[in-house]
Amino acid sequence: MDIKSMMKQAQQMQDRLQKQMGEMRVEGAAGGGMVTVVINGHKQMQSIKIDPEAVSKDDVEMLQDLVVAAINDAQRKADEALSQQMSALTGGMKIPGLG
């Protein structure tokens, strides 16, 4: 296989992965589900749900912490999913420039 063919194949793999990342939806939660966020594979937030029980004007700091924790949970899950997809896509090989 020549280098030009390998580069074309790598570009196709990267394009496929980018499309999968945009279509991926990962949910993260905090506070036993009081705050739930959904992000895509590009780590862009798609939605957020906040249980009314989590909303208290006397404890805004707790709600802020729950939102941050839910986002971090979703991002960690997205990283894990992307790592698995990359491994499946490349047969376990680490290819620079992909992912």
PDB file of N, CA and C in Angstrom:
ATOM      1  N   MET A   1       0.854  -1.174   0.000  1.00  0.00           N
ATOM      2  CA  MET A   1       0.000   0.000   0.000  1.00  0.00           C
ATOM      3  C   MET A   1       0.900   1.237   0.000  1.00  0.00           C
ATOM      4  N   ASP A   2       0.651   2.143  -0.916  1.00  0.00           N
ATOM      5  CA  ASP A   2       1.485   3.340  -0.994  1.00  0.00           C
ATOM      6  C   ASP A   2       1.032   4.403   0.010  1.00  0.00           C
ATOM      7  N   ILE A   3       1.877   5.366   0.242  1.00  0.00           N
ATOM      8  CA  ILE A   3       1.629   6.394   1.257  1.00  0.00           C
ATOM      9  C   ILE A   3       0.398   7.234   0.922  1.00  0.00           C
ATOM     10  N   LYS A   4       0.189   7.506  -0.359  1.00  0.00           N
ATOM     11  CA  LYS A   4      -0.965   8.309  -0.777  1.00  0.00           C
ATOM     12  C   LYS A   4      -2.268   7.576  -0.424  1.00  0.00           C
ATOM     13  N   SER A   5      -2.291   6.292  -0.664  1.00  0.00           N
ATOM     14  CA  SER A   5      -3.459   5.478  -0.347  1.00  0.00           C
ATOM     15  C   SER A   5      -3.690   5.419   1.165  1.00  0.00           C
ATOM     16  N   MET A   6      -2.596   5.303   1.921  1.00  0.00           N
ATOM     17  CA  MET A   6      -2.708   5.261   3.379  1.00  0.00           C
ATOM     18  C   MET A   6      -3.242   6.589   3.921  1.00  0.00           C
ATOM     19  N   MET A   7      -2.780   7.688   3.362  1.00  0.00           N
ATOM     20  CA  MET A   7      -3.241   9.009   3.798  1.00  0.00           C
ATOM     21  C   MET A   7      -4.726   9.196   3.487  1.00  0.00           C
ATOM     22  N   LYS A   8      -5.145   8.726   2.321  1.00  0.00           N
ATOM     23  CA  LYS A   8      -6.550   8.833   1.942  1.00  0.00           C
ATOM     24  C   LYS A   8      -7.409   8.012   2.899  1.00  0.00           C
ATOM     25  N   GLN A   9      -6.945   6.825   3.232  1.00  0.00           N
ATOM     26  CA  GLN A   9      -7.681   5.960   4.149  1.00  0.00           C
ATOM     27  C   GLN A   9      -7.744   6.598   5.549  1.00  0.00           C
ATOM     28  N   ALA A  10      -6.654   7.180   5.999  1.00  0.00           N
ATOM     29  CA  ALA A  10      -6.634   7.851   7.304  1.00  0.00           C
ATOM     30  C   ALA A  10      -7.605   9.031   7.311  1.00  0.00           C
ATOM     31  N   GLN A  11      -7.661   9.790   6.220  1.00  0.00           N
ATOM     32  CA  GLN A  11      -8.581  10.926   6.126  1.00  0.00           C
ATOM     33  C   GLN A  11     -10.024  10.446   6.167  1.00  0.00           C
ATOM     34  N   GLN A  12     -10.322   9.344   5.493  1.00  0.00           N
ATOM     35  CA  GLN A  12     -11.673   8.793   5.512  1.00  0.00           C
ATOM     36  C   GLN A  12     -12.055   8.351   6.927  1.00  0.00           C
ATOM     37  N   MET A  13     -11.117   7.741   7.632  1.00  0.00           N
ATOM     38  CA  MET A  13     -11.360   7.321   9.006  1.00  0.00           C
ATOM     39  C   MET A  13     -11.640   8.531   9.886  1.00  0.00           C
ATOM     40  N   GLN A  14     -10.868   9.589   9.703  1.00  0.00           N
ATOM     41  CA  GLN A  14     -11.052  10.797  10.497  1.00  0.00           C
ATOM     42  C   GLN A  14     -12.404  11.436  10.190  1.00  0.00           C
ATOM     43  N   ASP A  15     -12.796  11.481   8.926  1.00  0.00           N
ATOM     44  CA  ASP A  15     -14.091  12.045   8.547  1.00  0.00           C
ATOM     45  C   ASP A  15     -15.230  11.253   9.181  1.00  0.00           C
ATOM     46  N   ARG A  16     -15.095   9.926   9.147  1.00  0.00           N
ATOM     47  CA  ARG A  16     -16.110   9.059   9.740  1.00  0.00           C
ATOM     48  C   ARG A  16     -16.210   9.304  11.251  1.00  0.00           C
ATOM     49  N   LEU A  17     -15.077   9.427  11.903  1.00  0.00           N
ATOM     50  CA  LEU A  17     -15.057   9.656  13.341  1.00  0.00           C
ATOM     51  C   LEU A  17     -15.689  11.010  13.679  1.00  0.00           C
ATOM     52  N   GLN A  18     -15.376  12.044  12.905  1.00  0.00           N
ATOM     53  CA  GLN A  18     -15.961  13.366  13.146  1.00  0.00           C
ATOM     54  C   GLN A  18     -17.483  13.315  13.043  1.00  0.00           C
ATOM     55  N   LYS A  19     -17.983  12.581  12.062  1.00  0.00           N
ATOM     56  CA  LYS A  19     -19.438  12.450  11.891  1.00  0.00           C
ATOM     57  C   LYS A  19     -20.038  11.714  13.084  1.00  0.00           C
ATOM     58  N   GLN A  20     -19.387  10.631  13.511  1.00  0.00           N
ATOM     59  CA  GLN A  20     -19.871   9.874  14.662  1.00  0.00           C
ATOM     60  C   GLN A  20     -19.873  10.729  15.923  1.00  0.00           C
ATOM     61  N   MET A  21     -18.859  11.560  16.064  1.00  0.00           N
ATOM     62  CA  MET A  21     -18.774  12.429  17.241  1.00  0.00           C
ATOM     63  C   MET A  21     -19.946  13.409  17.279  1.00  0.00           C
ATOM     64  N   GLY A  22     -20.300  13.938  16.133  1.00  0.00           N
ATOM     65  CA  GLY A  22     -21.418  14.880  16.067  1.00  0.00           C
ATOM     66  C   GLY A  22     -22.750  14.221  16.364  1.00  0.00           C
ATOM     67  N   GLU A  23     -22.864  12.942  16.032  1.00  0.00           N
ATOM     68  CA  GLU A  23     -24.120  12.213  16.243  1.00  0.00           C
ATOM     69  C   GLU A  23     -24.210  11.595  17.637  1.00  0.00           C
ATOM     70  N   MET A  24     -23.090  11.422  18.293  1.00  0.00           N
ATOM     71  CA  MET A  24     -23.052  10.794  19.615  1.00  0.00           C
ATOM     72  C   MET A  24     -23.775  11.664  20.642  1.00  0.00           C
ATOM     73  N   ARG A  25     -24.488  11.023  21.542  1.00  0.00           N
ATOM     74  CA  ARG A  25     -25.115  11.711  22.664  1.00  0.00           C
ATOM     75  C   ARG A  25     -24.726  10.970  23.937  1.00  0.00           C
ATOM     76  N   VAL A  26     -24.182  11.707  24.905  1.00  0.00           N
ATOM     77  CA  VAL A  26     -23.736  11.132  26.165  1.00  0.00           C
ATOM     78  C   VAL A  26     -24.386  11.907  27.297  1.00  0.00           C
ATOM     79  N   GLU A  27     -24.928  11.170  28.268  1.00  0.00           N
ATOM     80  CA  GLU A  27     -25.604  11.804  29.390  1.00  0.00           C
ATOM     81  C   GLU A  27     -24.734  11.734  30.639  1.00  0.00           C
ATOM     82  N   GLY A  28     -24.676  12.833  31.341  1.00  0.00           N
ATOM     83  CA  GLY A  28     -23.994  12.893  32.629  1.00  0.00           C
ATOM     84  C   GLY A  28     -24.969  13.390  33.670  1.00  0.00           C
ATOM     85  N   ALA A  29     -24.778  12.941  34.908  1.00  0.00           N
ATOM     86  CA  ALA A  29     -25.713  13.324  35.960  1.00  0.00           C
ATOM     87  C   ALA A  29     -24.962  13.588  37.253  1.00  0.00           C
ATOM     88  N   ALA A  30     -25.638  14.319  38.140  1.00  0.00           N
ATOM     89  CA  ALA A  30     -25.081  14.601  39.466  1.00  0.00           C
ATOM     90  C   ALA A  30     -26.239  14.721  40.450  1.00  0.00           C
ATOM     91  N   GLY A  31     -25.920  14.544  41.710  1.00  0.00           N
ATOM     92  CA  GLY A  31     -26.943  14.677  42.750  1.00  0.00           C
ATOM     93  C   GLY A  31     -28.034  13.643  42.628  1.00  0.00           C
ATOM     94  N   GLY A  32     -27.648  12.418  42.247  1.00  0.00           N
ATOM     95  CA  GLY A  32     -28.653  11.368  42.108  1.00  0.00           C
ATOM     96  C   GLY A  32     -29.645  11.646  40.998  1.00  0.00           C
ATOM     97  N   GLY A  33     -29.202  12.367  39.974  1.00  0.00           N
ATOM     98  CA  GLY A  33     -30.067  12.668  38.838  1.00  0.00           C
ATOM     99  C   GLY A  33     -30.792  13.997  38.965  1.00  0.00           C
ATOM    100  N   MET A  34     -30.456  14.768  39.988  1.00  0.00           N
ATOM    101  CA  MET A  34     -31.111  16.075  40.135  1.00  0.00           C
ATOM    102  C   MET A  34     -30.729  17.018  39.006  1.00  0.00           C
ATOM    103  N   VAL A  35     -29.502  16.844  38.498  1.00  0.00           N
ATOM    104  CA  VAL A  35     -29.054  17.614  37.328  1.00  0.00           C
ATOM    105  C   VAL A  35     -28.546  16.618  36.304  1.00  0.00           C
ATOM    106  N   THR A  36     -29.073  16.719  35.099  1.00  0.00           N
ATOM    107  CA  THR A  36     -28.685  15.829  34.005  1.00  0.00           C
ATOM    108  C   THR A  36     -28.348  16.676  32.789  1.00  0.00           C
ATOM    109  N   VAL A  37     -27.204  16.375  32.174  1.00  0.00           N
ATOM    110  CA  VAL A  37     -26.817  17.079  30.946  1.00  0.00           C
ATOM    111  C   VAL A  37     -26.564  16.055  29.848  1.00  0.00           C
ATOM    112  N   VAL A  38     -26.771  16.478  28.623  1.00  0.00           N
ATOM    113  CA  VAL A  38     -26.477  15.654  27.451  1.00  0.00           C
ATOM    114  C   VAL A  38     -25.509  16.446  26.586  1.00  0.00           C
ATOM    115  N   ILE A  39     -24.397  15.798  26.204  1.00  0.00           N
ATOM    116  CA  ILE A  39     -23.434  16.432  25.312  1.00  0.00           C
ATOM    117  C   ILE A  39     -23.222  15.524  24.109  1.00  0.00           C
ATOM    118  N   ASN A  40     -22.666  16.097  23.039  1.00  0.00           N
ATOM    119  CA  ASN A  40     -22.310  15.286  21.884  1.00  0.00           C
ATOM    120  C   ASN A  40     -20.835  14.910  21.971  1.00  0.00           C
ATOM    121  N   GLY A  41     -20.352  14.193  20.990  1.00  0.00           N
ATOM    122  CA  GLY A  41     -18.970  13.741  20.995  1.00  0.00           C
ATOM    123  C   GLY A  41     -17.949  14.864  20.857  1.00  0.00           C
ATOM    124  N   HIS A  42     -18.418  16.038  20.451  1.00  0.00           N
ATOM    125  CA  HIS A  42     -17.542  17.215  20.381  1.00  0.00           C
ATOM    126  C   HIS A  42     -17.543  17.963  21.709  1.00  0.00           C
ATOM    127  N   LYS A  43     -18.226  17.389  22.691  1.00  0.00           N
ATOM    128  CA  LYS A  43     -18.362  17.940  24.045  1.00  0.00           C
ATOM    129  C   LYS A  43     -19.140  19.254  24.068  1.00  0.00           C
ATOM    130  N   GLN A  44     -20.060  19.389  23.118  1.00  0.00           N
ATOM    131  CA  GLN A  44     -20.950  20.545  23.101  1.00  0.00           C
ATOM    132  C   GLN A  44     -22.239  20.141  23.803  1.00  0.00           C
ATOM    133  N   MET A  45     -22.679  20.958  24.766  1.00  0.00           N
ATOM    134  CA  MET A  45     -23.874  20.624  25.513  1.00  0.00           C
ATOM    135  C   MET A  45     -25.098  20.705  24.611  1.00  0.00           C
ATOM    136  N   GLN A  46     -25.918  19.670  24.678  1.00  0.00           N
ATOM    137  CA  GLN A  46     -27.132  19.609  23.876  1.00  0.00           C
ATOM    138  C   GLN A  46     -28.370  19.952  24.715  1.00  0.00           C
ATOM    139  N   SER A  47     -28.347  19.527  25.985  1.00  0.00           N
ATOM    140  CA  SER A  47     -29.485  19.834  26.851  1.00  0.00           C
ATOM    141  C   SER A  47     -29.076  19.737  28.314  1.00  0.00           C
ATOM    142  N   ILE A  48     -29.885  20.344  29.153  1.00  0.00           N
ATOM    143  CA  ILE A  48     -29.694  20.253  30.599  1.00  0.00           C
ATOM    144  C   ILE A  48     -31.076  20.175  31.236  1.00  0.00           C
ATOM    145  N   LYS A  49     -31.198  19.288  32.225  1.00  0.00           N
ATOM    146  CA  LYS A  49     -32.449  19.166  32.980  1.00  0.00           C
ATOM    147  C   LYS A  49     -32.109  19.321  34.454  1.00  0.00           C
ATOM    148  N   ILE A  50     -32.865  20.159  35.115  1.00  0.00           N
ATOM    149  CA  ILE A  50     -32.655  20.404  36.537  1.00  0.00           C
ATOM    150  C   ILE A  50     -33.954  20.112  37.267  1.00  0.00           C
ATOM    151  N   ASP A  51     -33.883  19.191  38.211  1.00  0.00           N
ATOM    152  CA  ASP A  51     -35.038  18.850  39.036  1.00  0.00           C
ATOM    153  C   ASP A  51     -35.415  20.083  39.861  1.00  0.00           C
ATOM    154  N   PRO A  52     -36.681  20.462  39.885  1.00  0.00           N
ATOM    155  CA  PRO A  52     -37.094  21.626  40.671  1.00  0.00           C
ATOM    156  C   PRO A  52     -36.683  21.542  42.145  1.00  0.00           C
ATOM    157  N   GLU A  53     -36.530  20.334  42.660  1.00  0.00           N
ATOM    158  CA  GLU A  53     -36.100  20.160  44.048  1.00  0.00           C
ATOM    159  C   GLU A  53     -34.678  20.672  44.269  1.00  0.00           C
ATOM    160  N   ALA A  54     -33.892  20.755  43.195  1.00  0.00           N
ATOM    161  CA  ALA A  54     -32.502  21.209  43.306  1.00  0.00           C
ATOM    162  C   ALA A  54     -32.393  22.731  43.310  1.00  0.00           C
ATOM    163  N   VAL A  55     -33.496  23.404  43.031  1.00  0.00           N
ATOM    164  CA  VAL A  55     -33.480  24.857  42.918  1.00  0.00           C
ATOM    165  C   VAL A  55     -33.909  25.476  44.249  1.00  0.00           C
ATOM    166  N   SER A  56     -32.969  26.165  44.859  1.00  0.00           N
ATOM    167  CA  SER A  56     -33.243  26.861  46.113  1.00  0.00           C
ATOM    168  C   SER A  56     -32.465  28.167  46.112  1.00  0.00           C
ATOM    169  N   LYS A  57     -33.182  29.259  46.275  1.00  0.00           N
ATOM    170  CA  LYS A  57     -32.488  30.555  46.264  1.00  0.00           C
ATOM    171  C   LYS A  57     -31.540  30.688  47.445  1.00  0.00           C
ATOM    172  N   ASP A  58     -31.725  29.843  48.463  1.00  0.00           N
ATOM    173  CA  ASP A  58     -30.847  29.879  49.626  1.00  0.00           C
ATOM    174  C   ASP A  58     -29.578  29.051  49.438  1.00  0.00           C
ATOM    175  N   ASP A  59     -29.542  28.225  48.379  1.00  0.00           N
ATOM    176  CA  ASP A  59     -28.363  27.381  48.173  1.00  0.00           C
ATOM    177  C   ASP A  59     -28.015  27.284  46.684  1.00  0.00           C
ATOM    178  N   VAL A  60     -27.776  28.428  46.074  1.00  0.00           N
ATOM    179  CA  VAL A  60     -27.418  28.494  44.657  1.00  0.00           C
ATOM    180  C   VAL A  60     -26.091  27.780  44.420  1.00  0.00           C
ATOM    181  N   GLU A  61     -25.192  27.853  45.376  1.00  0.00           N
ATOM    182  CA  GLU A  61     -23.874  27.237  45.246  1.00  0.00           C
ATOM    183  C   GLU A  61     -23.971  25.724  45.027  1.00  0.00           C
ATOM    184  N   MET A  62     -24.898  25.064  45.729  1.00  0.00           N
ATOM    185  CA  MET A  62     -25.071  23.630  45.548  1.00  0.00           C
ATOM    186  C   MET A  62     -25.514  23.313  44.111  1.00  0.00           C
ATOM    187  N   LEU A  63     -26.449  24.083  43.590  1.00  0.00           N
ATOM    188  CA  LEU A  63     -26.924  23.875  42.228  1.00  0.00           C
ATOM    189  C   LEU A  63     -25.792  24.086  41.228  1.00  0.00           C
ATOM    190  N   GLN A  64     -24.989  25.103  41.444  1.00  0.00           N
ATOM    191  CA  GLN A  64     -23.848  25.358  40.566  1.00  0.00           C
ATOM    192  C   GLN A  64     -22.886  24.169  40.589  1.00  0.00           C
ATOM    193  N   ASP A  65     -22.619  23.641  41.779  1.00  0.00           N
ATOM    194  CA  ASP A  65     -21.729  22.482  41.906  1.00  0.00           C
ATOM    195  C   ASP A  65     -22.300  21.262  41.188  1.00  0.00           C
ATOM    196  N   LEU A  66     -23.616  21.064  41.291  1.00  0.00           N
ATOM    197  CA  LEU A  66     -24.258  19.931  40.620  1.00  0.00           C
ATOM    198  C   LEU A  66     -24.160  20.055  39.099  1.00  0.00           C
ATOM    199  N   VAL A  67     -24.339  21.266  38.578  1.00  0.00           N
ATOM    200  CA  VAL A  67     -24.238  21.478  37.131  1.00  0.00           C
ATOM    201  C   VAL A  67     -22.817  21.161  36.654  1.00  0.00           C
ATOM    202  N   VAL A  68     -21.828  21.668  37.360  1.00  0.00           N
ATOM    203  CA  VAL A  68     -20.433  21.403  36.997  1.00  0.00           C
ATOM    204  C   VAL A  68     -20.142  19.905  37.071  1.00  0.00           C
ATOM    205  N   ALA A  69     -20.590  19.251  38.121  1.00  0.00           N
ATOM    206  CA  ALA A  69     -20.345  17.814  38.275  1.00  0.00           C
ATOM    207  C   ALA A  69     -21.017  17.008  37.163  1.00  0.00           C
ATOM    208  N   ALA A  70     -22.223  17.379  36.769  1.00  0.00           N
ATOM    209  CA  ALA A  70     -22.929  16.662  35.699  1.00  0.00           C
ATOM    210  C   ALA A  70     -22.212  16.848  34.361  1.00  0.00           C
ATOM    211  N   ILE A  71     -21.736  18.051  34.099  1.00  0.00           N
ATOM    212  CA  ILE A  71     -21.001  18.301  32.853  1.00  0.00           C
ATOM    213  C   ILE A  71     -19.706  17.499  32.840  1.00  0.00           C
ATOM    214  N   ASN A  72     -18.986  17.508  33.953  1.00  0.00           N
ATOM    215  CA  ASN A  72     -17.741  16.731  34.029  1.00  0.00           C
ATOM    216  C   ASN A  72     -18.003  15.248  33.854  1.00  0.00           C
ATOM    217  N   ASP A  73     -19.097  14.744  34.413  1.00  0.00           N
ATOM    218  CA  ASP A  73     -19.459  13.333  34.262  1.00  0.00           C
ATOM    219  C   ASP A  73     -19.727  13.004  32.793  1.00  0.00           C
ATOM    220  N   ALA A  74     -20.466  13.859  32.123  1.00  0.00           N
ATOM    221  CA  ALA A  74     -20.767  13.635  30.706  1.00  0.00           C
ATOM    222  C   ALA A  74     -19.501  13.679  29.858  1.00  0.00           C
ATOM    223  N   GLN A  75     -18.613  14.616  30.146  1.00  0.00           N
ATOM    224  CA  GLN A  75     -17.378  14.719  29.372  1.00  0.00           C
ATOM    225  C   GLN A  75     -16.488  13.492  29.579  1.00  0.00           C
ATOM    226  N   ARG A  76     -16.423  12.990  30.805  1.00  0.00           N
ATOM    227  CA  ARG A  76     -15.645  11.777  31.077  1.00  0.00           C
ATOM    228  C   ARG A  76     -16.216  10.590  30.302  1.00  0.00           C
ATOM    229  N   LYS A  77     -17.540  10.477  30.300  1.00  0.00           N
ATOM    230  CA  LYS A  77     -18.190   9.389  29.566  1.00  0.00           C
ATOM    231  C   LYS A  77     -17.966   9.540  28.060  1.00  0.00           C
ATOM    232  N   ALA A  78     -17.987  10.768  27.567  1.00  0.00           N
ATOM    233  CA  ALA A  78     -17.736  11.006  26.140  1.00  0.00           C
ATOM    234  C   ALA A  78     -16.309  10.606  25.784  1.00  0.00           C
ATOM    235  N   ASP A  79     -15.344  10.954  26.643  1.00  0.00           N
ATOM    236  CA  ASP A  79     -13.953  10.565  26.405  1.00  0.00           C
ATOM    237  C   ASP A  79     -13.808   9.051  26.331  1.00  0.00           C
ATOM    238  N   GLU A  80     -14.481   8.345  27.241  1.00  0.00           N
ATOM    239  CA  GLU A  80     -14.418   6.884  27.249  1.00  0.00           C
ATOM    240  C   GLU A  80     -15.030   6.305  25.973  1.00  0.00           C
ATOM    241  N   ALA A  81     -16.173   6.833  25.576  1.00  0.00           N
ATOM    242  CA  ALA A  81     -16.843   6.347  24.367  1.00  0.00           C
ATOM    243  C   ALA A  81     -15.997   6.613  23.129  1.00  0.00           C
ATOM    244  N   LEU A  82     -15.397   7.797  23.062  1.00  0.00           N
ATOM    245  CA  LEU A  82     -14.559   8.135  21.910  1.00  0.00           C
ATOM    246  C   LEU A  82     -13.314   7.258  21.860  1.00  0.00           C
ATOM    247  N   SER A  83     -12.753   6.972  23.011  1.00  0.00           N
ATOM    248  CA  SER A  83     -11.582   6.107  23.074  1.00  0.00           C
ATOM    249  C   SER A  83     -11.928   4.707  22.565  1.00  0.00           C
ATOM    250  N   GLN A  84     -13.082   4.211  22.961  1.00  0.00           N
ATOM    251  CA  GLN A  84     -13.529   2.897  22.487  1.00  0.00           C
ATOM    252  C   GLN A  84     -13.773   2.913  20.982  1.00  0.00           C
ATOM    253  N   GLN A  85     -14.398   3.981  20.489  1.00  0.00           N
ATOM    254  CA  GLN A  85     -14.655   4.075  19.046  1.00  0.00           C
ATOM    255  C   GLN A  85     -13.350   4.145  18.265  1.00  0.00           C
ATOM    256  N   MET A  86     -12.397   4.919  18.761  1.00  0.00           N
ATOM    257  CA  MET A  86     -11.107   5.033  18.074  1.00  0.00           C
ATOM    258  C   MET A  86     -10.408   3.684  18.038  1.00  0.00           C
ATOM    259  N   SER A  87     -10.442   2.976  19.150  1.00  0.00           N
ATOM    260  CA  SER A  87      -9.802   1.680  19.217  1.00  0.00           C
ATOM    261  C   SER A  87     -10.451   0.708  18.225  1.00  0.00           C
ATOM    262  N   ALA A  88     -11.771   0.736  18.146  1.00  0.00           N
ATOM    263  CA  ALA A  88     -12.474  -0.142  17.207  1.00  0.00           C
ATOM    264  C   ALA A  88     -12.178   0.255  15.766  1.00  0.00           C
ATOM    265  N   LEU A  89     -12.127   1.559  15.517  1.00  0.00           N
ATOM    266  CA  LEU A  89     -11.918   2.068  14.165  1.00  0.00           C
ATOM    267  C   LEU A  89     -10.514   1.760  13.653  1.00  0.00           C
ATOM    268  N   THR A  90      -9.537   1.813  14.543  1.00  0.00           N
ATOM    269  CA  THR A  90      -8.149   1.626  14.126  1.00  0.00           C
ATOM    270  C   THR A  90      -7.606   0.235  14.453  1.00  0.00           C
ATOM    271  N   GLY A  91      -8.458  -0.629  14.984  1.00  0.00           N
ATOM    272  CA  GLY A  91      -8.006  -1.957  15.338  1.00  0.00           C
ATOM    273  C   GLY A  91      -7.015  -1.930  16.486  1.00  0.00           C
ATOM    274  N   GLY A  92      -7.119  -0.921  17.348  1.00  0.00           N
ATOM    275  CA  GLY A  92      -6.239  -0.805  18.504  1.00  0.00           C
ATOM    276  C   GLY A  92      -4.954  -0.050  18.229  1.00  0.00           C
ATOM    277  N   MET A  93      -4.691   0.301  16.957  1.00  0.00           N
ATOM    278  CA  MET A  93      -3.464   1.042  16.643  1.00  0.00           C
ATOM    279  C   MET A  93      -3.645   2.502  17.022  1.00  0.00           C
ATOM    280  N   LYS A  94      -2.602   3.125  17.462  1.00  0.00           N
ATOM    281  CA  LYS A  94      -2.616   4.563  17.754  1.00  0.00           C
ATOM    282  C   LYS A  94      -2.078   5.284  16.510  1.00  0.00           C
ATOM    283  N   ILE A  95      -2.954   6.051  15.867  1.00  0.00           N
ATOM    284  CA  ILE A  95      -2.587   6.768  14.652  1.00  0.00           C
ATOM    285  C   ILE A  95      -2.546   8.254  14.948  1.00  0.00           C
ATOM    286  N   PRO A  96      -1.390   8.877  14.842  1.00  0.00           N
ATOM    287  CA  PRO A  96      -1.295  10.321  15.110  1.00  0.00           C
ATOM    288  C   PRO A  96      -2.233  11.117  14.197  1.00  0.00           C
ATOM    289  N   GLY A  97      -2.890  12.114  14.794  1.00  0.00           N
ATOM    290  CA  GLY A  97      -3.754  12.971  14.008  1.00  0.00           C
ATOM    291  C   GLY A  97      -5.199  12.530  14.009  1.00  0.00           C
ATOM    292  N   LEU A  98      -5.476  11.324  14.472  1.00  0.00           N
ATOM    293  CA  LEU A  98      -6.868  10.863  14.570  1.00  0.00           C
ATOM    294  C   LEU A  98      -7.293  10.957  16.012  1.00  0.00           C
ATOM    295  N   GLY A  99      -8.455  11.570  16.223  1.00  0.00           N
ATOM    296  CA  GLY A  99      -9.029  11.619  17.572  1.00  0.00           C
ATOM    297  C   GLY A  99      -8.532  12.678  18.416  1.00  0.00           C
TER     298      GLY A  99
END
